[in-house]
Amino acid sequence: MSLVTGIILNFRVIKVIFKRYRGLISAHKSVKSVKIWNEIKPLLVKKILILFLRREILFE
């Protein structure tokens, strides 16, 4: 599997994840939710990276 198709697949995954969380974010625009989002964001990035790396390993 090429890197490009891997990246395209990952963007689909990222879109799904962000659609789920965007509802929560737009529902609360308070300072508290910003703090929560700042805690969630690094976890999301980490999860996405792990998914990406796993896919790359699987398809190599």
C-alpha atoms as a PDB file:
ATOM      1  CA  MET A   1       0.000   0.000   0.000  1.00  0.00           C
ATOM      2  CA  SER A   2       1.337   3.383  -0.930  1.00  0.00           C
ATOM      3  CA  LEU A   3       1.843   6.184   1.545  1.00  0.00           C
ATOM      4  CA  VAL A   4      -0.676   8.394  -0.282  1.00  0.00           C
ATOM      5  CA  THR A   5      -3.579   5.943   0.053  1.00  0.00           C
ATOM      6  CA  GLY A   6      -2.616   5.428   3.692  1.00  0.00           C
ATOM      7  CA  ILE A   7      -2.808   9.157   4.305  1.00  0.00           C
ATOM      8  CA  ILE A   8      -6.161   9.406   2.491  1.00  0.00           C
ATOM      9  CA  LEU A   9      -7.582   6.594   4.648  1.00  0.00           C
ATOM     10  CA  ASN A  10      -6.304   8.326   7.758  1.00  0.00           C
ATOM     11  CA  PHE A  11      -7.967  11.592   6.783  1.00  0.00           C
ATOM     12  CA  ARG A  12     -11.275   9.709   6.674  1.00  0.00           C
ATOM     13  CA  VAL A  13     -10.632   8.401  10.181  1.00  0.00           C
ATOM     14  CA  ILE A  14      -9.651  11.885  11.379  1.00  0.00           C
ATOM     15  CA  LYS A  15     -12.832  13.356   9.852  1.00  0.00           C
ATOM     16  CA  VAL A  16     -14.991  10.823  11.698  1.00  0.00           C
ATOM     17  CA  ILE A  17     -13.217  11.508  14.994  1.00  0.00           C
ATOM     18  CA  PHE A  18     -13.532  15.279  14.587  1.00  0.00           C
ATOM     19  CA  LYS A  19     -17.203  15.058  13.610  1.00  0.00           C
ATOM     20  CA  ARG A  20     -17.864  13.230  16.877  1.00  0.00           C
ATOM     21  CA  TYR A  21     -15.960  15.732  18.964  1.00  0.00           C
ATOM     22  CA  ARG A  22     -17.036  18.851  17.047  1.00  0.00           C
ATOM     23  CA  GLY A  23     -20.574  18.461  18.361  1.00  0.00           C
ATOM     24  CA  LEU A  24     -19.250  18.502  21.910  1.00  0.00           C
ATOM     25  CA  ILE A  25     -16.994  21.468  21.201  1.00  0.00           C
ATOM     26  CA  SER A  26     -19.660  23.612  19.506  1.00  0.00           C
ATOM     27  CA  ALA A  27     -22.157  22.778  22.261  1.00  0.00           C
ATOM     28  CA  HIS A  28     -19.871  24.275  24.910  1.00  0.00           C
ATOM     29  CA  LYS A  29     -17.769  27.315  24.084  1.00  0.00           C
ATOM     30  CA  SER A  30     -16.990  28.058  27.709  1.00  0.00           C
ATOM     31  CA  VAL A  31     -13.554  28.302  29.298  1.00  0.00           C
ATOM     32  CA  LYS A  32     -14.081  24.920  30.935  1.00  0.00           C
ATOM     33  CA  SER A  33     -14.658  23.199  27.596  1.00  0.00           C
ATOM     34  CA  VAL A  34     -11.568  24.885  26.159  1.00  0.00           C
ATOM     35  CA  LYS A  35      -9.550  23.390  29.011  1.00  0.00           C
ATOM     36  CA  ILE A  36     -11.103  19.977  28.353  1.00  0.00           C
ATOM     37  CA  TRP A  37     -10.423  20.319  24.605  1.00  0.00           C
ATOM     38  CA  ASN A  38      -6.786  21.184  25.339  1.00  0.00           C
ATOM     39  CA  GLU A  39      -6.576  17.930  27.298  1.00  0.00           C
ATOM     40  CA  ILE A  40      -8.376  15.870  24.639  1.00  0.00           C
ATOM     41  CA  LYS A  41      -6.468  17.252  21.643  1.00  0.00           C
ATOM     42  CA  PRO A  42      -3.055  15.714  22.468  1.00  0.00           C
ATOM     43  CA  LEU A  43      -4.780  12.387  23.117  1.00  0.00           C
ATOM     44  CA  LEU A  44      -6.528  12.583  19.741  1.00  0.00           C
ATOM     45  CA  VAL A  45      -3.281  13.413  17.992  1.00  0.00           C
ATOM     46  CA  LYS A  46      -1.582  10.503  19.745  1.00  0.00           C
ATOM     47  CA  LYS A  47      -4.418   8.121  18.785  1.00  0.00           C
ATOM     48  CA  ILE A  48      -4.331   9.269  15.171  1.00  0.00           C
ATOM     49  CA  LEU A  49      -0.557   8.794  15.019  1.00  0.00           C
ATOM     50  CA  ILE A  50      -0.871   5.310  16.529  1.00  0.00           C
ATOM     51  CA  LEU A  51      -3.591   4.400  13.997  1.00  0.00           C
ATOM     52  CA  PHE A  52      -1.448   5.745  11.179  1.00  0.00           C
ATOM     53  CA  LEU A  53       1.640   3.831  12.291  1.00  0.00           C
ATOM     54  CA  ARG A  54      -0.359   0.624  12.764  1.00  0.00           C
ATOM     55  CA  ARG A  55      -1.802   0.929   9.260  1.00  0.00           C
ATOM     56  CA  GLU A  56       1.628   1.552   7.772  1.00  0.00           C
ATOM     57  CA  ILE A  57       2.989  -1.555   9.524  1.00  0.00           C
ATOM     58  CA  LEU A  58       0.007  -3.687   8.447  1.00  0.00           C
ATOM     59  CA  PHE A  59       0.174  -2.701   4.791  1.00  0.00           C
ATOM     60  CA  GLU A  60       3.958  -2.787   4.349  1.00  0.00           C
END
